[in-house]
Amino acid sequence: MQEVTLEYVEQLAHKLPIEDQLNLIARLERQVNQQSLAAEELTQPGSLRGLWAGKFSDDFDIDAALFEIRHEWEKEWPEAFDQ
């Protein structure tokens, strides 16, 4: 923020009644805290367990899915040599 603008805002704030100055301070504090929390959420990675919670049904068998993925190539292997 430019220094001239900041000084102008300070002059305007000093013209307010004390109660309004306190309300202004409280509003600015809330805004700064919200911006700070939002910035903090962006910089800290979340838990993968928490991020993926509820994305799969409870009866989803991860071991069976991984087995299928890892052994799928075995079905295609003989086809490659038949050609």
PDB file of N, CA and C in Angstrom:
ATOM      1  N   MET A   1       0.854  -1.176   0.000  1.00  0.00           N
ATOM      2  CA  MET A   1       0.000   0.000   0.000  1.00  0.00           C
ATOM      3  C   MET A   1       0.898   1.236   0.000  1.00  0.00           C
ATOM      4  N   GLN A   2       0.500   2.229  -0.734  1.00  0.00           N
ATOM      5  CA  GLN A   2       1.302   3.451  -0.789  1.00  0.00           C
ATOM      6  C   GLN A   2       1.203   4.205   0.526  1.00  0.00           C
ATOM      7  N   GLU A   3       2.299   4.869   0.887  1.00  0.00           N
ATOM      8  CA  GLU A   3       2.365   5.593   2.158  1.00  0.00           C
ATOM      9  C   GLU A   3       1.308   6.692   2.226  1.00  0.00           C
ATOM     10  N   VAL A   4       1.089   7.383   1.115  1.00  0.00           N
ATOM     11  CA  VAL A   4       0.102   8.479   1.091  1.00  0.00           C
ATOM     12  C   VAL A   4      -1.287   7.929   1.388  1.00  0.00           C
ATOM     13  N   THR A   5      -1.623   6.802   0.821  1.00  0.00           N
ATOM     14  CA  THR A   5      -2.931   6.201   1.029  1.00  0.00           C
ATOM     15  C   THR A   5      -3.095   5.762   2.481  1.00  0.00           C
ATOM     16  N   LEU A   6      -2.063   5.162   3.037  1.00  0.00           N
ATOM     17  CA  LEU A   6      -2.122   4.717   4.428  1.00  0.00           C
ATOM     18  C   LEU A   6      -2.303   5.905   5.371  1.00  0.00           C
ATOM     19  N   GLU A   7      -1.579   6.957   5.115  1.00  0.00           N
ATOM     20  CA  GLU A   7      -1.733   8.161   5.946  1.00  0.00           C
ATOM     21  C   GLU A   7      -3.144   8.728   5.828  1.00  0.00           C
ATOM     22  N   TYR A   8      -3.699   8.709   4.627  1.00  0.00           N
ATOM     23  CA  TYR A   8      -5.055   9.221   4.420  1.00  0.00           C
ATOM     24  C   TYR A   8      -6.063   8.368   5.201  1.00  0.00           C
ATOM     25  N   VAL A   9      -5.900   7.066   5.168  1.00  0.00           N
ATOM     26  CA  VAL A   9      -6.803   6.174   5.902  1.00  0.00           C
ATOM     27  C   VAL A   9      -6.684   6.421   7.397  1.00  0.00           C
ATOM     28  N   GLU A  10      -5.453   6.623   7.873  1.00  0.00           N
ATOM     29  CA  GLU A  10      -5.254   6.912   9.298  1.00  0.00           C
ATOM     30  C   GLU A  10      -5.951   8.207   9.685  1.00  0.00           C
ATOM     31  N   GLN A  11      -5.850   9.234   8.847  1.00  0.00           N
ATOM     32  CA  GLN A  11      -6.512  10.513   9.131  1.00  0.00           C
ATOM     33  C   GLN A  11      -8.019  10.328   9.205  1.00  0.00           C
ATOM     34  N   LEU A  12      -8.559   9.552   8.272  1.00  0.00           N
ATOM     35  CA  LEU A  12     -10.005   9.301   8.298  1.00  0.00           C
ATOM     36  C   LEU A  12     -10.409   8.536   9.557  1.00  0.00           C
ATOM     37  N   ALA A  13      -9.593   7.556   9.931  1.00  0.00           N
ATOM     38  CA  ALA A  13      -9.903   6.763  11.119  1.00  0.00           C
ATOM     39  C   ALA A  13      -9.889   7.618  12.381  1.00  0.00           C
ATOM     40  N   HIS A  14      -8.958   8.586  12.464  1.00  0.00           N
ATOM     41  CA  HIS A  14      -8.885   9.455  13.640  1.00  0.00           C
ATOM     42  C   HIS A  14     -10.101  10.363  13.750  1.00  0.00           C
ATOM     43  N   LYS A  15     -10.793  10.598  12.648  1.00  0.00           N
ATOM     44  CA  LYS A  15     -11.997  11.436  12.672  1.00  0.00           C
ATOM     45  C   LYS A  15     -13.214  10.675  13.174  1.00  0.00           C
ATOM     46  N   LEU A  16     -13.107   9.354  13.211  1.00  0.00           N
ATOM     47  CA  LEU A  16     -14.239   8.541  13.682  1.00  0.00           C
ATOM     48  C   LEU A  16     -14.338   8.609  15.199  1.00  0.00           C
ATOM     49  N   PRO A  17     -15.552   8.436  15.731  1.00  0.00           N
ATOM     50  CA  PRO A  17     -15.694   8.308  17.185  1.00  0.00           C
ATOM     51  C   PRO A  17     -14.944   7.065  17.663  1.00  0.00           C
ATOM     52  N   ILE A  18     -14.548   7.049  18.901  1.00  0.00           N
ATOM     53  CA  ILE A  18     -13.723   5.969  19.448  1.00  0.00           C
ATOM     54  C   ILE A  18     -14.386   4.601  19.278  1.00  0.00           C
ATOM     55  N   GLU A  19     -15.690   4.540  19.433  1.00  0.00           N
ATOM     56  CA  GLU A  19     -16.401   3.268  19.280  1.00  0.00           C
ATOM     57  C   GLU A  19     -16.267   2.742  17.847  1.00  0.00           C
ATOM     58  N   ASP A  20     -16.395   3.639  16.872  1.00  0.00           N
ATOM     59  CA  ASP A  20     -16.244   3.235  15.479  1.00  0.00           C
ATOM     60  C   ASP A  20     -14.797   2.847  15.164  1.00  0.00           C
ATOM     61  N   GLN A  21     -13.837   3.509  15.810  1.00  0.00           N
ATOM     62  CA  GLN A  21     -12.440   3.141  15.616  1.00  0.00           C
ATOM     63  C   GLN A  21     -12.197   1.718  16.120  1.00  0.00           C
ATOM     64  N   LEU A  22     -12.775   1.406  17.286  1.00  0.00           N
ATOM     65  CA  LEU A  22     -12.636   0.056  17.838  1.00  0.00           C
ATOM     66  C   LEU A  22     -13.311  -0.982  16.939  1.00  0.00           C
ATOM     67  N   ASN A  23     -14.474  -0.640  16.389  1.00  0.00           N
ATOM     68  CA  ASN A  23     -15.155  -1.553  15.461  1.00  0.00           C
ATOM     69  C   ASN A  23     -14.312  -1.771  14.202  1.00  0.00           C
ATOM     70  N   LEU A  24     -13.687  -0.704  13.708  1.00  0.00           N
ATOM     71  CA  LEU A  24     -12.826  -0.802  12.539  1.00  0.00           C
ATOM     72  C   LEU A  24     -11.641  -1.718  12.816  1.00  0.00           C
ATOM     73  N   ILE A  25     -11.043  -1.546  13.977  1.00  0.00           N
ATOM     74  CA  ILE A  25      -9.908  -2.402  14.355  1.00  0.00           C
ATOM     75  C   ILE A  25     -10.345  -3.865  14.419  1.00  0.00           C
ATOM     76  N   ALA A  26     -11.506  -4.125  15.002  1.00  0.00           N
ATOM     77  CA  ALA A  26     -11.999  -5.504  15.129  1.00  0.00           C
ATOM     78  C   ALA A  26     -12.266  -6.105  13.743  1.00  0.00           C
ATOM     79  N   ARG A  27     -12.855  -5.330  12.851  1.00  0.00           N
ATOM     80  CA  ARG A  27     -13.117  -5.825  11.494  1.00  0.00           C
ATOM     81  C   ARG A  27     -11.821  -6.133  10.759  1.00  0.00           C
ATOM     82  N   LEU A  28     -10.864  -5.222  10.866  1.00  0.00           N
ATOM     83  CA  LEU A  28      -9.582  -5.443  10.195  1.00  0.00           C
ATOM     84  C   LEU A  28      -8.879  -6.669  10.761  1.00  0.00           C
ATOM     85  N   GLU A  29      -8.980  -6.851  12.068  1.00  0.00           N
ATOM     86  CA  GLU A  29      -8.349  -8.008  12.696  1.00  0.00           C
ATOM     87  C   GLU A  29      -8.973  -9.307  12.183  1.00  0.00           C
ATOM     88  N   ARG A  30     -10.310  -9.348  12.067  1.00  0.00           N
ATOM     89  CA  ARG A  30     -10.982 -10.538  11.553  1.00  0.00           C
ATOM     90  C   ARG A  30     -10.548 -10.829  10.118  1.00  0.00           C
ATOM     91  N   GLN A  31     -10.470  -9.775   9.296  1.00  0.00           N
ATOM     92  CA  GLN A  31     -10.061  -9.966   7.906  1.00  0.00           C
ATOM     93  C   GLN A  31      -8.635 -10.508   7.814  1.00  0.00           C
ATOM     94  N   VAL A  32      -7.752  -9.943   8.605  1.00  0.00           N
ATOM     95  CA  VAL A  32      -6.355 -10.395   8.587  1.00  0.00           C
ATOM     96  C   VAL A  32      -6.267 -11.845   9.062  1.00  0.00           C
ATOM     97  N   ASN A  33      -7.007 -12.190  10.112  1.00  0.00           N
ATOM     98  CA  ASN A  33      -6.985 -13.562  10.618  1.00  0.00           C
ATOM     99  C   ASN A  33      -7.524 -14.542   9.581  1.00  0.00           C
ATOM    100  N   GLN A  34      -8.610 -14.180   8.894  1.00  0.00           N
ATOM    101  CA  GLN A  34      -9.172 -15.049   7.862  1.00  0.00           C
ATOM    102  C   GLN A  34      -8.191 -15.230   6.715  1.00  0.00           C
ATOM    103  N   GLN A  35      -7.549 -14.161   6.296  1.00  0.00           N
ATOM    104  CA  GLN A  35      -6.573 -14.257   5.214  1.00  0.00           C
ATOM    105  C   GLN A  35      -5.379 -15.094   5.648  1.00  0.00           C
ATOM    106  N   SER A  36      -4.975 -14.934   6.886  1.00  0.00           N
ATOM    107  CA  SER A  36      -3.852 -15.704   7.405  1.00  0.00           C
ATOM    108  C   SER A  36      -4.188 -17.189   7.465  1.00  0.00           C
ATOM    109  N   LEU A  37      -5.393 -17.521   7.920  1.00  0.00           N
ATOM    110  CA  LEU A  37      -5.809 -18.923   7.984  1.00  0.00           C
ATOM    111  C   LEU A  37      -5.917 -19.520   6.588  1.00  0.00           C
ATOM    112  N   ALA A  38      -6.450 -18.752   5.651  1.00  0.00           N
ATOM    113  CA  ALA A  38      -6.572 -19.242   4.279  1.00  0.00           C
ATOM    114  C   ALA A  38      -5.201 -19.498   3.680  1.00  0.00           C
ATOM    115  N   ALA A  39      -4.265 -18.618   3.920  1.00  0.00           N
ATOM    116  CA  ALA A  39      -2.904 -18.799   3.400  1.00  0.00           C
ATOM    117  C   ALA A  39      -2.244 -20.002   4.054  1.00  0.00           C
ATOM    118  N   GLU A  40      -2.498 -20.210   5.328  1.00  0.00           N
ATOM    119  CA  GLU A  40      -1.909 -21.341   6.048  1.00  0.00           C
ATOM    120  C   GLU A  40      -2.457 -22.660   5.520  1.00  0.00           C
ATOM    121  N   GLU A  41      -3.759 -22.699   5.199  1.00  0.00           N
ATOM    122  CA  GLU A  41      -4.367 -23.916   4.667  1.00  0.00           C
ATOM    123  C   GLU A  41      -3.770 -24.278   3.315  1.00  0.00           C
ATOM    124  N   LEU A  42      -3.397 -23.276   2.538  1.00  0.00           N
ATOM    125  CA  LEU A  42      -2.823 -23.539   1.227  1.00  0.00           C
ATOM    126  C   LEU A  42      -1.403 -24.070   1.320  1.00  0.00           C
ATOM    127  N   THR A  43      -0.687 -23.704   2.369  1.00  0.00           N
ATOM    128  CA  THR A  43       0.716 -24.097   2.468  1.00  0.00           C
ATOM    129  C   THR A  43       0.914 -25.411   3.196  1.00  0.00           C
ATOM    130  N   GLN A  44      -0.039 -25.817   4.027  1.00  0.00           N
ATOM    131  CA  GLN A  44       0.123 -27.063   4.778  1.00  0.00           C
ATOM    132  C   GLN A  44      -0.671 -28.173   4.108  1.00  0.00           C
ATOM    133  N   PRO A  45       0.011 -29.239   3.693  1.00  0.00           N
ATOM    134  CA  PRO A  45      -0.715 -30.341   3.060  1.00  0.00           C
ATOM    135  C   PRO A  45      -1.601 -31.062   4.065  1.00  0.00           C
ATOM    136  N   GLY A  46      -2.708 -31.538   3.583  1.00  0.00           N
ATOM    137  CA  GLY A  46      -3.620 -32.257   4.451  1.00  0.00           C
ATOM    138  C   GLY A  46      -3.278 -33.737   4.499  1.00  0.00           C
ATOM    139  N   SER A  47      -3.842 -34.428   5.433  1.00  0.00           N
ATOM    140  CA  SER A  47      -3.667 -35.864   5.557  1.00  0.00           C
ATOM    141  C   SER A  47      -4.376 -36.547   4.386  1.00  0.00           C
ATOM    142  N   LEU A  48      -3.699 -37.470   3.726  1.00  0.00           N
ATOM    143  CA  LEU A  48      -4.334 -38.186   2.624  1.00  0.00           C
ATOM    144  C   LEU A  48      -5.532 -38.989   3.109  1.00  0.00           C
ATOM    145  N   ARG A  49      -5.423 -39.541   4.298  1.00  0.00           N
ATOM    146  CA  ARG A  49      -6.559 -40.285   4.851  1.00  0.00           C
ATOM    147  C   ARG A  49      -7.766 -39.355   4.998  1.00  0.00           C
ATOM    148  N   GLY A  50      -7.519 -38.141   5.474  1.00  0.00           N
ATOM    149  CA  GLY A  50      -8.606 -37.188   5.633  1.00  0.00           C
ATOM    150  C   GLY A  50      -9.133 -36.674   4.305  1.00  0.00           C
ATOM    151  N   LEU A  51      -8.249 -36.462   3.351  1.00  0.00           N
ATOM    152  CA  LEU A  51      -8.672 -35.953   2.051  1.00  0.00           C
ATOM    153  C   LEU A  51      -9.506 -36.967   1.275  1.00  0.00           C
ATOM    154  N   TRP A  52      -9.211 -38.256   1.432  1.00  0.00           N
ATOM    155  CA  TRP A  52      -9.917 -39.297   0.691  1.00  0.00           C
ATOM    156  C   TRP A  52     -11.041 -39.937   1.507  1.00  0.00           C
ATOM    157  N   ALA A  53     -11.254 -39.472   2.728  1.00  0.00           N
ATOM    158  CA  ALA A  53     -12.302 -40.057   3.571  1.00  0.00           C
ATOM    159  C   ALA A  53     -13.661 -39.895   2.901  1.00  0.00           C
ATOM    160  N   GLY A  54     -14.406 -40.977   2.850  1.00  0.00           N
ATOM    161  CA  GLY A  54     -15.748 -40.936   2.280  1.00  0.00           C
ATOM    162  C   GLY A  54     -15.775 -41.013   0.759  1.00  0.00           C
ATOM    163  N   LYS A  55     -14.645 -41.137   0.111  1.00  0.00           N
ATOM    164  CA  LYS A  55     -14.614 -41.196  -1.357  1.00  0.00           C
ATOM    165  C   LYS A  55     -14.854 -42.614  -1.867  1.00  0.00           C
ATOM    166  N   PHE A  56     -14.618 -43.612  -1.043  1.00  0.00           N
ATOM    167  CA  PHE A  56     -14.813 -45.006  -1.421  1.00  0.00           C
ATOM    168  C   PHE A  56     -15.793 -45.644  -0.443  1.00  0.00           C
ATOM    169  N   SER A  57     -16.524 -46.622  -0.951  1.00  0.00           N
ATOM    170  CA  SER A  57     -17.467 -47.311  -0.071  1.00  0.00           C
ATOM    171  C   SER A  57     -16.697 -48.153   0.944  1.00  0.00           C
ATOM    172  N   ASP A  58     -17.348 -48.453   2.034  1.00  0.00           N
ATOM    173  CA  ASP A  58     -16.697 -49.205   3.105  1.00  0.00           C
ATOM    174  C   ASP A  58     -16.353 -50.630   2.685  1.00  0.00           C
ATOM    175  N   ASP A  59     -17.087 -51.186   1.727  1.00  0.00           N
ATOM    176  CA  ASP A  59     -16.828 -52.566   1.322  1.00  0.00           C
ATOM    177  C   ASP A  59     -15.811 -52.657   0.171  1.00  0.00           C
ATOM    178  N   PHE A  60     -15.164 -51.562  -0.169  1.00  0.00           N
ATOM    179  CA  PHE A  60     -14.150 -51.557  -1.219  1.00  0.00           C
ATOM    180  C   PHE A  60     -12.907 -52.293  -0.730  1.00  0.00           C
ATOM    181  N   ASP A  61     -12.490 -53.307  -1.487  1.00  0.00           N
ATOM    182  CA  ASP A  61     -11.335 -54.125  -1.100  1.00  0.00           C
ATOM    183  C   ASP A  61     -10.100 -53.604  -1.839  1.00  0.00           C
ATOM    184  N   ILE A  62      -9.305 -52.824  -1.162  1.00  0.00           N
ATOM    185  CA  ILE A  62      -8.125 -52.213  -1.777  1.00  0.00           C
ATOM    186  C   ILE A  62      -7.102 -53.262  -2.180  1.00  0.00           C
ATOM    187  N   ASP A  63      -6.955 -54.318  -1.376  1.00  0.00           N
ATOM    188  CA  ASP A  63      -5.983 -55.362  -1.691  1.00  0.00           C
ATOM    189  C   ASP A  63      -6.361 -56.091  -2.978  1.00  0.00           C
ATOM    190  N   ALA A  64      -7.636 -56.388  -3.150  1.00  0.00           N
ATOM    191  CA  ALA A  64      -8.083 -57.065  -4.369  1.00  0.00           C
ATOM    192  C   ALA A  64      -7.902 -56.159  -5.592  1.00  0.00           C
ATOM    193  N   ALA A  65      -8.186 -54.885  -5.428  1.00  0.00           N
ATOM    194  CA  ALA A  65      -8.012 -53.938  -6.532  1.00  0.00           C
ATOM    195  C   ALA A  65      -6.540 -53.811  -6.920  1.00  0.00           C
ATOM    196  N   LEU A  66      -5.669 -53.738  -5.937  1.00  0.00           N
ATOM    197  CA  LEU A  66      -4.240 -53.648  -6.224  1.00  0.00           C
ATOM    198  C   LEU A  66      -3.725 -54.937  -6.872  1.00  0.00           C
ATOM    199  N   PHE A  67      -4.204 -56.084  -6.417  1.00  0.00           N
ATOM    200  CA  PHE A  67      -3.795 -57.355  -7.018  1.00  0.00           C
ATOM    201  C   PHE A  67      -4.182 -57.385  -8.493  1.00  0.00           C
ATOM    202  N   GLU A  68      -5.407 -56.971  -8.778  1.00  0.00           N
ATOM    203  CA  GLU A  68      -5.879 -56.947 -10.164  1.00  0.00           C
ATOM    204  C   GLU A  68      -5.033 -56.007 -11.017  1.00  0.00           C
ATOM    205  N   ILE A  69      -4.725 -54.847 -10.505  1.00  0.00           N
ATOM    206  CA  ILE A  69      -3.909 -53.881 -11.253  1.00  0.00           C
ATOM    207  C   ILE A  69      -2.510 -54.432 -11.503  1.00  0.00           C
ATOM    208  N   ARG A  70      -1.924 -55.029 -10.486  1.00  0.00           N
ATOM    209  CA  ARG A  70      -0.541 -55.509 -10.595  1.00  0.00           C
ATOM    210  C   ARG A  70      -0.412 -56.749 -11.474  1.00  0.00           C
ATOM    211  N   HIS A  71      -1.472 -57.539 -11.606  1.00  0.00           N
ATOM    212  CA  HIS A  71      -1.382 -58.791 -12.354  1.00  0.00           C
ATOM    213  C   HIS A  71      -2.139 -58.748 -13.680  1.00  0.00           C
ATOM    214  N   GLU A  72      -2.685 -57.642 -14.042  1.00  0.00           N
ATOM    215  CA  GLU A  72      -3.410 -57.512 -15.308  1.00  0.00           C
ATOM    216  C   GLU A  72      -2.491 -57.792 -16.503  1.00  0.00           C
ATOM    217  N   TRP A  73      -1.252 -57.389 -16.408  1.00  0.00           N
ATOM    218  CA  TRP A  73      -0.314 -57.588 -17.514  1.00  0.00           C
ATOM    219  C   TRP A  73      -0.059 -59.064 -17.796  1.00  0.00           C
ATOM    220  N   GLU A  74      -0.217 -59.889 -16.785  1.00  0.00           N
ATOM    221  CA  GLU A  74       0.030 -61.321 -16.983  1.00  0.00           C
ATOM    222  C   GLU A  74      -0.944 -61.933 -17.980  1.00  0.00           C
ATOM    223  N   LYS A  75      -2.157 -61.392 -18.039  1.00  0.00           N
ATOM    224  CA  LYS A  75      -3.146 -61.882 -19.010  1.00  0.00           C
ATOM    225  C   LYS A  75      -2.752 -61.486 -20.429  1.00  0.00           C
ATOM    226  N   GLU A  76      -2.118 -60.333 -20.560  1.00  0.00           N
ATOM    227  CA  GLU A  76      -1.749 -59.838 -21.882  1.00  0.00           C
ATOM    228  C   GLU A  76      -0.389 -60.369 -22.333  1.00  0.00           C
ATOM    229  N   TRP A  77       0.410 -60.882 -21.462  1.00  0.00           N
ATOM    230  CA  TRP A  77       1.770 -61.310 -21.801  1.00  0.00           C
ATOM    231  C   TRP A  77       1.792 -62.397 -22.885  1.00  0.00           C
ATOM    232  N   PRO A  78       1.023 -63.453 -22.795  1.00  0.00           N
ATOM    233  CA  PRO A  78       1.055 -64.482 -23.849  1.00  0.00           C
ATOM    234  C   PRO A  78       0.601 -63.934 -25.204  1.00  0.00           C
ATOM    235  N   GLU A  79      -0.327 -62.981 -25.217  1.00  0.00           N
ATOM    236  CA  GLU A  79      -0.808 -62.403 -26.469  1.00  0.00           C
ATOM    237  C   GLU A  79       0.322 -61.707 -27.219  1.00  0.00           C
ATOM    238  N   ALA A  80       1.260 -61.124 -26.513  1.00  0.00           N
ATOM    239  CA  ALA A  80       2.353 -60.414 -27.163  1.00  0.00           C
ATOM    240  C   ALA A  80       3.257 -61.375 -27.913  1.00  0.00           C
ATOM    241  N   PHE A  81       3.430 -62.611 -27.423  1.00  0.00           N
ATOM    242  CA  PHE A  81       4.324 -63.564 -28.057  1.00  0.00           C
ATOM    243  C   PHE A  81       3.628 -64.383 -29.131  1.00  0.00           C
ATOM    244  N   ASP A  82       2.288 -64.379 -29.165  1.00  0.00           N
ATOM    245  CA  ASP A  82       1.552 -65.149 -30.169  1.00  0.00           C
ATOM    246  C   ASP A  82       1.636 -64.508 -31.548  1.00  0.00           C
ATOM    247  N   GLN A  83       1.957 -63.252 -31.597  1.00  0.00           N
ATOM    248  CA  GLN A  83       1.946 -62.535 -32.878  1.00  0.00           C
ATOM    249  C   GLN A  83       3.139 -62.794 -33.690  1.00  0.00           C
TER     250      GLN A  83
END
